[in-house]
PDB file of all heavy atoms in Angstrom:
ATOM      1  N   TRP A   1      -3.767   6.824  -1.204  1.00  0.00           N
ATOM      2  CA  TRP A   1      -3.570   7.569  -2.470  1.00  0.00           C
ATOM      3  C   TRP A   1      -3.920   9.142  -2.410  1.00  0.00           C
ATOM      4  O   TRP A   1      -3.417   9.790  -3.198  1.00  0.00           O
ATOM      5  CB  TRP A   1      -4.411   7.041  -3.579  1.00  0.00           C
ATOM      6  CG  TRP A   1      -5.838   7.453  -3.602  1.00  0.00           C
ATOM      7  CD1 TRP A   1      -6.406   8.449  -4.203  1.00  0.00           C
ATOM      8  CD2 TRP A   1      -7.037   6.689  -3.160  1.00  0.00           C
ATOM      9  NE1 TRP A   1      -7.718   8.522  -4.170  1.00  0.00           N
ATOM     10  CE2 TRP A   1      -8.197   7.419  -3.609  1.00  0.00           C
ATOM     11  CE3 TRP A   1      -7.191   5.446  -2.481  1.00  0.00           C
ATOM     12  CZ2 TRP A   1      -9.450   7.074  -3.193  1.00  0.00           C
ATOM     13  CZ3 TRP A   1      -8.672   5.083  -2.153  1.00  0.00           C
ATOM     14  CH2 TRP A   1      -9.687   5.886  -2.632  1.00  0.00           C
ATOM     15  N   LYS A   2      -4.506   9.525  -1.232  1.00  0.00           N
ATOM     16  CA  LYS A   2      -4.806  10.910  -1.071  1.00  0.00           C
ATOM     17  C   LYS A   2      -3.581  11.639  -0.309  1.00  0.00           C
ATOM     18  O   LYS A   2      -3.601  12.807  -0.052  1.00  0.00           O
ATOM     19  CB  LYS A   2      -6.156  11.112  -0.462  1.00  0.00           C
ATOM     20  CG  LYS A   2      -7.450  10.576  -1.060  1.00  0.00           C
ATOM     21  CD  LYS A   2      -7.555  11.269  -2.545  1.00  0.00           C
ATOM     22  CE  LYS A   2      -7.930  12.678  -2.265  1.00  0.00           C
ATOM     23  NZ  LYS A   2      -8.334  13.375  -3.594  1.00  0.00           N
ATOM     24  N   GLN A   3      -2.761  10.769   0.220  1.00  0.00           N
ATOM     25  CA  GLN A   3      -1.788  11.296   0.991  1.00  0.00           C
ATOM     26  C   GLN A   3      -0.326  11.674   0.379  1.00  0.00           C
ATOM     27  O   GLN A   3      -0.200  11.264  -0.726  1.00  0.00           O
ATOM     28  CB  GLN A   3      -1.346  10.432   2.175  1.00  0.00           C
ATOM     29  CG  GLN A   3      -2.572  10.067   3.077  1.00  0.00           C
ATOM     30  CD  GLN A   3      -2.293   9.239   4.225  1.00  0.00           C
ATOM     31  OE1 GLN A   3      -1.264   9.217   4.833  1.00  0.00           O
ATOM     32  NE2 GLN A   3      -3.210   8.158   4.474  1.00  0.00           N
ATOM     33  N   ASN A   4       0.476  12.499   0.918  1.00  0.00           N
ATOM     34  CA  ASN A   4       1.676  12.856   0.354  1.00  0.00           C
ATOM     35  C   ASN A   4       2.644  11.535   0.378  1.00  0.00           C
ATOM     36  O   ASN A   4       2.863  11.089   1.452  1.00  0.00           O
ATOM     37  CB  ASN A   4       2.432  13.968   1.143  1.00  0.00           C
ATOM     38  CG  ASN A   4       3.563  14.479   0.459  1.00  0.00           C
ATOM     39  OD1 ASN A   4       4.273  13.848  -0.326  1.00  0.00           O
ATOM     40  ND2 ASN A   4       3.952  15.638   0.853  1.00  0.00           N
ATOM     41  N   PRO A   5       3.125  11.175  -0.814  1.00  0.00           N
ATOM     42  CA  PRO A   5       4.001   9.992  -0.884  1.00  0.00           C
ATOM     43  C   PRO A   5       5.304  10.034   0.010  1.00  0.00           C
ATOM     44  O   PRO A   5       5.678   9.032   0.555  1.00  0.00           O
ATOM     45  CB  PRO A   5       4.392   9.939  -2.298  1.00  0.00           C
ATOM     46  CG  PRO A   5       3.339  10.542  -3.010  1.00  0.00           C
ATOM     47  CD  PRO A   5       2.971  11.697  -2.203  1.00  0.00           C
ATOM     48  N   LEU A   6       5.616  11.278   0.188  1.00  0.00           N
ATOM     49  CA  LEU A   6       6.917  11.493   1.062  1.00  0.00           C
ATOM     50  C   LEU A   6       6.609  11.087   2.617  1.00  0.00           C
ATOM     51  O   LEU A   6       7.616  10.961   3.324  1.00  0.00           O
ATOM     52  CB  LEU A   6       7.339  12.910   0.987  1.00  0.00           C
ATOM     53  CG  LEU A   6       7.788  13.334  -0.457  1.00  0.00           C
ATOM     54  CD1 LEU A   6       8.311  14.778  -0.436  1.00  0.00           C
ATOM     55  CD2 LEU A   6       8.913  12.587  -0.862  1.00  0.00           C
ATOM     56  N   GLN A   7       5.377  11.211   3.001  1.00  0.00           N
ATOM     57  CA  GLN A   7       4.917  10.900   4.361  1.00  0.00           C
ATOM     58  C   GLN A   7       4.435   9.462   4.513  1.00  0.00           C
ATOM     59  O   GLN A   7       3.999   9.122   5.603  1.00  0.00           O
ATOM     60  CB  GLN A   7       3.880  11.872   4.622  1.00  0.00           C
ATOM     61  CG  GLN A   7       4.249  13.347   4.676  1.00  0.00           C
ATOM     62  CD  GLN A   7       3.079  14.326   5.008  1.00  0.00           C
ATOM     63  OE1 GLN A   7       1.997  13.897   5.025  1.00  0.00           O
ATOM     64  NE2 GLN A   7       3.447  15.538   5.339  1.00  0.00           N
ATOM     65  N   LEU A   8       4.607   8.647   3.461  1.00  0.00           N
ATOM     66  CA  LEU A   8       4.217   7.277   3.645  1.00  0.00           C
ATOM     67  C   LEU A   8       5.417   6.395   3.596  1.00  0.00           C
ATOM     68  O   LEU A   8       6.412   6.520   2.843  1.00  0.00           O
ATOM     69  CB  LEU A   8       3.200   6.846   2.543  1.00  0.00           C
ATOM     70  CG  LEU A   8       1.933   7.616   2.471  1.00  0.00           C
ATOM     71  CD1 LEU A   8       1.210   7.276   1.111  1.00  0.00           C
ATOM     72  CD2 LEU A   8       1.065   7.313   3.533  1.00  0.00           C
ATOM     73  N   ASN A   9       5.331   5.269   4.460  1.00  0.00           N
ATOM     74  CA  ASN A   9       6.462   4.200   4.387  1.00  0.00           C
ATOM     75  C   ASN A   9       5.860   2.978   3.777  1.00  0.00           C
ATOM     76  O   ASN A   9       4.736   2.866   3.450  1.00  0.00           O
ATOM     77  CB  ASN A   9       7.053   4.029   5.748  1.00  0.00           C
ATOM     78  CG  ASN A   9       6.000   3.678   6.799  1.00  0.00           C
ATOM     79  OD1 ASN A   9       5.012   2.920   6.495  1.00  0.00           O
ATOM     80  ND2 ASN A   9       6.124   4.041   8.111  1.00  0.00           N
ATOM     81  N   ASP A  10       6.741   1.924   3.676  1.00  0.00           N
ATOM     82  CA  ASP A  10       6.379   0.587   3.137  1.00  0.00           C
ATOM     83  C   ASP A  10       5.173  -0.052   3.792  1.00  0.00           C
ATOM     84  O   ASP A  10       4.286  -0.444   3.218  1.00  0.00           O
ATOM     85  CB  ASP A  10       7.454  -0.383   3.064  1.00  0.00           C
ATOM     86  CG  ASP A  10       8.518   0.122   2.038  1.00  0.00           C
ATOM     87  OD1 ASP A  10       8.420   1.035   1.318  1.00  0.00           O
ATOM     88  OD2 ASP A  10       9.635  -0.586   2.048  1.00  0.00           O
ATOM     89  N   LYS A  11       5.234   0.167   5.131  1.00  0.00           N
ATOM     90  CA  LYS A  11       4.167  -0.396   5.978  1.00  0.00           C
ATOM     91  C   LYS A  11       2.778   0.271   5.632  1.00  0.00           C
ATOM     92  O   LYS A  11       1.871  -0.474   5.487  1.00  0.00           O
ATOM     93  CB  LYS A  11       4.426  -0.341   7.435  1.00  0.00           C
ATOM     94  CG  LYS A  11       3.325  -1.038   8.308  1.00  0.00           C
ATOM     95  CD  LYS A  11       3.766  -0.969   9.806  1.00  0.00           C
ATOM     96  CE  LYS A  11       2.782  -1.728  10.693  1.00  0.00           C
ATOM     97  NZ  LYS A  11       1.302  -1.309  10.443  1.00  0.00           N
ATOM     98  N   ASN A  12       2.696   1.567   5.458  1.00  0.00           N
ATOM     99  CA  ASN A  12       1.596   2.226   4.997  1.00  0.00           C
ATOM    100  C   ASN A  12       0.892   1.764   3.788  1.00  0.00           C
ATOM    101  O   ASN A  12      -0.168   1.405   3.743  1.00  0.00           O
ATOM    102  CB  ASN A  12       1.873   3.751   4.823  1.00  0.00           C
ATOM    103  CG  ASN A  12       2.196   4.399   6.209  1.00  0.00           C
ATOM    104  OD1 ASN A  12       3.184   5.273   6.168  1.00  0.00           O
ATOM    105  ND2 ASN A  12       1.808   3.956   7.420  1.00  0.00           N
ATOM    106  N   TYR A  13       1.836   1.447   2.765  1.00  0.00           N
ATOM    107  CA  TYR A  13       1.396   1.051   1.505  1.00  0.00           C
ATOM    108  C   TYR A  13       0.818  -0.355   1.617  1.00  0.00           C
ATOM    109  O   TYR A  13      -0.136  -0.775   0.926  1.00  0.00           O
ATOM    110  CB  TYR A  13       2.501   1.157   0.443  1.00  0.00           C
ATOM    111  CG  TYR A  13       2.746   2.574  -0.087  1.00  0.00           C
ATOM    112  CD1 TYR A  13       3.951   3.287   0.290  1.00  0.00           C
ATOM    113  CD2 TYR A  13       1.704   3.176  -0.847  1.00  0.00           C
ATOM    114  CE1 TYR A  13       4.102   4.536  -0.248  1.00  0.00           C
ATOM    115  CE2 TYR A  13       1.933   4.491  -1.274  1.00  0.00           C
ATOM    116  CZ  TYR A  13       3.148   5.112  -1.053  1.00  0.00           C
ATOM    117  OH  TYR A  13       3.298   6.308  -1.470  1.00  0.00           O
ATOM    118  N   LEU A  14       1.597  -1.138   2.318  1.00  0.00           N
ATOM    119  CA  LEU A  14       1.103  -2.569   2.409  1.00  0.00           C
ATOM    120  C   LEU A  14      -0.149  -2.786   3.238  1.00  0.00           C
ATOM    121  O   LEU A  14      -0.915  -3.566   2.914  1.00  0.00           O
ATOM    122  CB  LEU A  14       2.257  -3.367   3.153  1.00  0.00           C
ATOM    123  CG  LEU A  14       3.516  -3.580   2.352  1.00  0.00           C
ATOM    124  CD1 LEU A  14       4.546  -4.211   3.231  1.00  0.00           C
ATOM    125  CD2 LEU A  14       3.422  -4.434   1.130  1.00  0.00           C
ATOM    126  N   ASP A  15      -0.299  -1.879   4.292  1.00  0.00           N
ATOM    127  CA  ASP A  15      -1.565  -1.930   5.019  1.00  0.00           C
ATOM    128  C   ASP A  15      -2.701  -1.498   4.165  1.00  0.00           C
ATOM    129  O   ASP A  15      -3.810  -2.156   4.272  1.00  0.00           O
ATOM    130  CB  ASP A  15      -1.423  -1.027   6.189  1.00  0.00           C
ATOM    131  CG  ASP A  15      -0.559  -1.620   7.353  1.00  0.00           C
ATOM    132  OD1 ASP A  15      -0.166  -2.750   7.303  1.00  0.00           O
ATOM    133  OD2 ASP A  15      -0.110  -0.762   8.356  1.00  0.00           O
ATOM    134  N   PHE A  16      -2.435  -0.517   3.336  1.00  0.00           N
ATOM    135  CA  PHE A  16      -3.539  -0.023   2.380  1.00  0.00           C
ATOM    136  C   PHE A  16      -3.905  -1.086   1.320  1.00  0.00           C
ATOM    137  O   PHE A  16      -5.076  -1.337   1.092  1.00  0.00           O
ATOM    138  CB  PHE A  16      -3.159   1.283   1.749  1.00  0.00           C
ATOM    139  CG  PHE A  16      -4.196   1.751   0.832  1.00  0.00           C
ATOM    140  CD1 PHE A  16      -5.470   2.125   1.268  1.00  0.00           C
ATOM    141  CD2 PHE A  16      -3.877   1.813  -0.473  1.00  0.00           C
ATOM    142  CE1 PHE A  16      -6.414   2.593   0.371  1.00  0.00           C
ATOM    143  CE2 PHE A  16      -4.803   2.358  -1.371  1.00  0.00           C
ATOM    144  CZ  PHE A  16      -6.092   2.719  -0.901  1.00  0.00           C
ATOM    145  N   TYR A  17      -2.970  -1.834   0.842  1.00  0.00           N
ATOM    146  CA  TYR A  17      -3.004  -2.974  -0.105  1.00  0.00           C
ATOM    147  C   TYR A  17      -3.978  -3.959   0.549  1.00  0.00           C
ATOM    148  O   TYR A  17      -4.995  -4.438  -0.037  1.00  0.00           O
ATOM    149  CB  TYR A  17      -1.827  -3.466  -0.491  1.00  0.00           C
ATOM    150  CG  TYR A  17      -1.874  -4.715  -1.456  1.00  0.00           C
ATOM    151  CD1 TYR A  17      -2.049  -4.570  -2.711  1.00  0.00           C
ATOM    152  CD2 TYR A  17      -1.623  -6.016  -0.955  1.00  0.00           C
ATOM    153  CE1 TYR A  17      -2.127  -5.676  -3.557  1.00  0.00           C
ATOM    154  CE2 TYR A  17      -1.713  -7.130  -1.756  1.00  0.00           C
ATOM    155  CZ  TYR A  17      -2.042  -6.862  -3.146  1.00  0.00           C
ATOM    156  OH  TYR A  17      -2.138  -7.923  -3.956  1.00  0.00           O
ATOM    157  N   HIS A  18      -3.736  -4.381   1.736  1.00  0.00           N
ATOM    158  CA  HIS A  18      -4.591  -5.382   2.347  1.00  0.00           C
ATOM    159  C   HIS A  18      -5.919  -4.896   2.831  1.00  0.00           C
ATOM    160  O   HIS A  18      -6.951  -5.684   3.043  1.00  0.00           O
ATOM    161  CB  HIS A  18      -3.849  -6.068   3.548  1.00  0.00           C
ATOM    162  CG  HIS A  18      -2.689  -6.821   3.066  1.00  0.00           C
ATOM    163  ND1 HIS A  18      -2.805  -8.040   2.361  1.00  0.00           N
ATOM    164  CD2 HIS A  18      -1.192  -6.688   3.271  1.00  0.00           C
ATOM    165  CE1 HIS A  18      -1.624  -8.536   2.163  1.00  0.00           C
ATOM    166  NE2 HIS A  18      -0.661  -7.747   2.598  1.00  0.00           N
ATOM    167  N   GLU A  19      -6.014  -3.490   3.011  1.00  0.00           N
ATOM    168  CA  GLU A  19      -7.333  -2.938   3.282  1.00  0.00           C
ATOM    169  C   GLU A  19      -8.135  -2.991   1.984  1.00  0.00           C
ATOM    170  O   GLU A  19      -9.432  -3.236   1.965  1.00  0.00           O
ATOM    171  CB  GLU A  19      -7.189  -1.440   3.659  1.00  0.00           C
ATOM    172  CG  GLU A  19      -8.481  -0.679   4.199  1.00  0.00           C
ATOM    173  CD  GLU A  19      -8.256   0.643   4.554  1.00  0.00           C
ATOM    174  OE1 GLU A  19      -7.185   1.082   4.599  1.00  0.00           O
ATOM    175  OE2 GLU A  19      -9.263   1.325   4.837  1.00  0.00           O
ATOM    176  N   LEU A  20      -7.526  -2.691   0.833  1.00  0.00           N
ATOM    177  CA  LEU A  20      -8.245  -2.922  -0.505  1.00  0.00           C
ATOM    178  C   LEU A  20      -8.683  -4.372  -0.714  1.00  0.00           C
ATOM    179  O   LEU A  20      -9.700  -4.478  -1.315  1.00  0.00           O
ATOM    180  CB  LEU A  20      -7.318  -2.400  -1.576  1.00  0.00           C
ATOM    181  CG  LEU A  20      -7.195  -0.905  -1.874  1.00  0.00           C
ATOM    182  CD1 LEU A  20      -6.106  -0.645  -2.908  1.00  0.00           C
ATOM    183  CD2 LEU A  20      -8.672  -0.257  -2.277  1.00  0.00           C
ATOM    184  N   TYR A  21      -7.630  -5.271  -0.452  1.00  0.00           N
ATOM    185  CA  TYR A  21      -7.935  -6.642  -0.852  1.00  0.00           C
ATOM    186  C   TYR A  21      -7.705  -7.447   0.459  1.00  0.00           C
ATOM    187  O   TYR A  21      -6.616  -8.078   0.525  1.00  0.00           O
ATOM    188  CB  TYR A  21      -6.927  -7.088  -1.910  1.00  0.00           C
ATOM    189  CG  TYR A  21      -6.987  -6.096  -3.175  1.00  0.00           C
ATOM    190  CD1 TYR A  21      -5.917  -5.237  -3.393  1.00  0.00           C
ATOM    191  CD2 TYR A  21      -8.077  -6.077  -4.021  1.00  0.00           C
ATOM    192  CE1 TYR A  21      -5.935  -4.348  -4.564  1.00  0.00           C
ATOM    193  CE2 TYR A  21      -8.073  -5.195  -5.110  1.00  0.00           C
ATOM    194  CZ  TYR A  21      -7.003  -4.361  -5.245  1.00  0.00           C
ATOM    195  OH  TYR A  21      -7.045  -3.576  -6.345  1.00  0.00           O
ATOM    196  N   PRO A  22      -8.672  -7.573   1.262  1.00  0.00           N
ATOM    197  CA  PRO A  22      -8.464  -8.247   2.522  1.00  0.00           C
ATOM    198  C   PRO A  22      -8.306  -9.728   2.350  1.00  0.00           C
ATOM    199  O   PRO A  22      -7.770 -10.452   3.269  1.00  0.00           O
ATOM    200  CB  PRO A  22      -9.855  -8.070   3.360  1.00  0.00           C
ATOM    201  CG  PRO A  22     -10.797  -7.533   2.182  1.00  0.00           C
ATOM    202  CD  PRO A  22     -10.037  -6.868   1.047  1.00  0.00           C
ATOM    203  N   ASN A  23      -8.610 -10.273   1.123  1.00  0.00           N
ATOM    204  CA  ASN A  23      -8.456 -11.865   0.868  1.00  0.00           C
ATOM    205  C   ASN A  23      -7.116 -12.132   0.283  1.00  0.00           C
ATOM    206  O   ASN A  23      -6.744 -13.414   0.102  1.00  0.00           O
ATOM    207  CB  ASN A  23      -9.549 -12.336   0.128  1.00  0.00           C
ATOM    208  CG  ASN A  23     -10.951 -12.161   0.653  1.00  0.00           C
ATOM    209  OD1 ASN A  23     -11.073 -12.466   1.855  1.00  0.00           O
ATOM    210  ND2 ASN A  23     -11.987 -11.900  -0.126  1.00  0.00           N
ATOM    211  N   GLN A  24      -6.266 -11.113   0.071  1.00  0.00           N
ATOM    212  CA  GLN A  24      -4.998 -11.348  -0.548  1.00  0.00           C
ATOM    213  C   GLN A  24      -3.938 -11.563   0.527  1.00  0.00           C
ATOM    214  O   GLN A  24      -3.683 -10.816   1.397  1.00  0.00           O
ATOM    215  CB  GLN A  24      -4.542 -10.112  -1.347  1.00  0.00           C
ATOM    216  CG  GLN A  24      -5.153  -9.980  -2.757  1.00  0.00           C
ATOM    217  CD  GLN A  24      -4.610 -11.011  -3.648  1.00  0.00           C
ATOM    218  OE1 GLN A  24      -3.538 -11.454  -3.608  1.00  0.00           O
ATOM    219  NE2 GLN A  24      -5.410 -11.442  -4.610  1.00  0.00           N
ATOM    220  N   LEU A  25      -3.403 -12.849   0.442  1.00  0.00           N
ATOM    221  CA  LEU A  25      -2.444 -13.280   1.512  1.00  0.00           C
ATOM    222  C   LEU A  25      -0.997 -12.692   1.254  1.00  0.00           C
ATOM    223  O   LEU A  25      -0.222 -12.345   2.181  1.00  0.00           O
ATOM    224  CB  LEU A  25      -2.333 -14.678   1.707  1.00  0.00           C
ATOM    225  CG  LEU A  25      -3.698 -15.372   2.139  1.00  0.00           C
ATOM    226  CD1 LEU A  25      -3.654 -16.898   2.204  1.00  0.00           C
ATOM    227  CD2 LEU A  25      -4.232 -14.716   3.403  1.00  0.00           C
ATOM    228  N   ASP A  26      -0.566 -12.662  -0.081  1.00  0.00           N
ATOM    229  CA  ASP A  26       0.629 -12.256  -0.437  1.00  0.00           C
ATOM    230  C   ASP A  26       0.873 -10.759  -0.525  1.00  0.00           C
ATOM    231  O   ASP A  26      -0.135 -10.111  -0.942  1.00  0.00           O
ATOM    232  CB  ASP A  26       1.119 -12.933  -1.784  1.00  0.00           C
ATOM    233  CG  ASP A  26       1.328 -14.376  -1.698  1.00  0.00           C
ATOM    234  OD1 ASP A  26       1.491 -14.910  -0.758  1.00  0.00           O
ATOM    235  OD2 ASP A  26       1.069 -14.987  -2.847  1.00  0.00           O
ATOM    236  N   ASP A  27       1.952 -10.304  -0.044  1.00  0.00           N
ATOM    237  CA  ASP A  27       2.280  -8.857  -0.321  1.00  0.00           C
ATOM    238  C   ASP A  27       2.569  -8.591  -1.661  1.00  0.00           C
ATOM    239  O   ASP A  27       3.068  -9.396  -2.415  1.00  0.00           O
ATOM    240  CB  ASP A  27       3.529  -8.391   0.582  1.00  0.00           C
ATOM    241  CG  ASP A  27       3.152  -8.348   2.016  1.00  0.00           C
ATOM    242  OD1 ASP A  27       1.912  -8.289   2.359  1.00  0.00           O
ATOM    243  OD2 ASP A  27       3.981  -8.389   2.851  1.00  0.00           O
ATOM    244  N   PRO A  28       2.263  -7.293  -2.204  1.00  0.00           N
ATOM    245  CA  PRO A  28       2.719  -7.033  -3.594  1.00  0.00           C
ATOM    246  C   PRO A  28       4.171  -6.819  -3.600  1.00  0.00           C
ATOM    247  O   PRO A  28       4.934  -6.680  -2.653  1.00  0.00           O
ATOM    248  CB  PRO A  28       1.952  -5.596  -3.796  1.00  0.00           C
ATOM    249  CG  PRO A  28       1.902  -5.071  -2.399  1.00  0.00           C
ATOM    250  CD  PRO A  28       1.613  -6.207  -1.467  1.00  0.00           C
ATOM    251  N   LEU A  29       4.823  -6.867  -4.976  1.00  0.00           N
ATOM    252  CA  LEU A  29       6.188  -6.649  -4.992  1.00  0.00           C
ATOM    253  C   LEU A  29       6.607  -5.220  -4.843  1.00  0.00           C
ATOM    254  O   LEU A  29       7.730  -5.112  -4.178  1.00  0.00           O
ATOM    255  CB  LEU A  29       6.598  -7.207  -6.360  1.00  0.00           C
ATOM    256  CG  LEU A  29       6.419  -8.739  -6.636  1.00  0.00           C
ATOM    257  CD1 LEU A  29       6.500  -9.049  -8.206  1.00  0.00           C
ATOM    258  CD2 LEU A  29       7.397  -9.607  -5.905  1.00  0.00           C
ATOM    259  N   PHE A  30       5.912  -4.416  -5.364  1.00  0.00           N
ATOM    260  CA  PHE A  30       6.165  -2.928  -5.230  1.00  0.00           C
ATOM    261  C   PHE A  30       5.028  -2.232  -5.715  1.00  0.00           C
ATOM    262  O   PHE A  30       4.005  -2.778  -6.172  1.00  0.00           O
ATOM    263  CB  PHE A  30       7.453  -2.511  -5.973  1.00  0.00           C
ATOM    264  CG  PHE A  30       7.457  -2.880  -7.495  1.00  0.00           C
ATOM    265  CD1 PHE A  30       7.010  -1.967  -8.396  1.00  0.00           C
ATOM    266  CD2 PHE A  30       8.027  -4.073  -7.834  1.00  0.00           C
ATOM    267  CE1 PHE A  30       6.968  -2.371  -9.734  1.00  0.00           C
ATOM    268  CE2 PHE A  30       7.921  -4.353  -9.284  1.00  0.00           C
ATOM    269  CZ  PHE A  30       7.413  -3.495 -10.101  1.00  0.00           C
ATOM    270  N   TRP A  31       5.123  -0.927  -5.766  1.00  0.00           N
ATOM    271  CA  TRP A  31       3.889  -0.007  -6.133  1.00  0.00           C
ATOM    272  C   TRP A  31       4.389   1.227  -6.701  1.00  0.00           C
ATOM    273  O   TRP A  31       5.451   1.651  -6.590  1.00  0.00           O
ATOM    274  CB  TRP A  31       3.130   0.252  -4.856  1.00  0.00           C
ATOM    275  CG  TRP A  31       3.786   0.500  -3.677  1.00  0.00           C
ATOM    276  CD1 TRP A  31       4.401   1.797  -3.402  1.00  0.00           C
ATOM    277  CD2 TRP A  31       4.491  -0.258  -2.736  1.00  0.00           C
ATOM    278  NE1 TRP A  31       5.143   1.787  -2.224  1.00  0.00           N
ATOM    279  CE2 TRP A  31       5.229   0.382  -1.738  1.00  0.00           C
ATOM    280  CE3 TRP A  31       4.302  -1.656  -2.466  1.00  0.00           C
ATOM    281  CZ2 TRP A  31       5.881   0.029  -0.653  1.00  0.00           C
ATOM    282  CZ3 TRP A  31       4.998  -2.271  -1.401  1.00  0.00           C
ATOM    283  CH2 TRP A  31       5.769  -1.338  -0.500  1.00  0.00           C
ATOM    284  N   VAL A  32       3.358   1.916  -7.412  1.00  0.00           N
ATOM    285  CA  VAL A  32       3.592   3.193  -8.154  1.00  0.00           C
ATOM    286  C   VAL A  32       2.541   4.179  -7.583  1.00  0.00           C
ATOM    287  O   VAL A  32       1.321   3.835  -7.509  1.00  0.00           O
ATOM    288  CB  VAL A  32       3.506   3.087  -9.643  1.00  0.00           C
ATOM    289  CG1 VAL A  32       3.834   4.351 -10.238  1.00  0.00           C
ATOM    290  CG2 VAL A  32       4.424   2.085 -10.157  1.00  0.00           C
ATOM    291  N   HIS A  33       3.028   5.281  -6.964  1.00  0.00           N
ATOM    292  CA  HIS A  33       2.123   6.293  -6.421  1.00  0.00           C
ATOM    293  C   HIS A  33       1.765   7.417  -7.531  1.00  0.00           C
ATOM    294  O   HIS A  33       2.829   7.892  -7.969  1.00  0.00           O
ATOM    295  CB  HIS A  33       2.713   6.958  -5.170  1.00  0.00           C
ATOM    296  CG  HIS A  33       1.608   7.562  -4.356  1.00  0.00           C
ATOM    297  ND1 HIS A  33       1.398   7.385  -2.985  1.00  0.00           N
ATOM    298  CD2 HIS A  33       0.728   8.573  -4.699  1.00  0.00           C
ATOM    299  CE1 HIS A  33       0.419   8.150  -2.529  1.00  0.00           C
ATOM    300  NE2 HIS A  33      -0.056   9.014  -3.549  1.00  0.00           N
ATOM    301  N   LEU A  34       0.624   7.464  -7.956  1.00  0.00           N
ATOM    302  CA  LEU A  34       0.323   8.403  -9.036  1.00  0.00           C
ATOM    303  C   LEU A  34      -0.175   9.699  -8.318  1.00  0.00           C
ATOM    304  O   LEU A  34      -0.974   9.666  -7.442  1.00  0.00           O
ATOM    305  CB  LEU A  34      -0.836   7.830  -9.878  1.00  0.00           C
ATOM    306  CG  LEU A  34      -0.660   6.454 -10.435  1.00  0.00           C
ATOM    307  CD1 LEU A  34      -1.871   5.988 -11.099  1.00  0.00           C
ATOM    308  CD2 LEU A  34       0.542   6.424 -11.418  1.00  0.00           C
TER     309      LEU A  34
END
């Protein structure tokens, strides 16, 4: 969330999601960068 959205790809966002919620097995559908 502290990085430039233009420099992030889908894998970056998915990796961060599972870093936040290590017990979540399913990937999120999509995301919104604020």
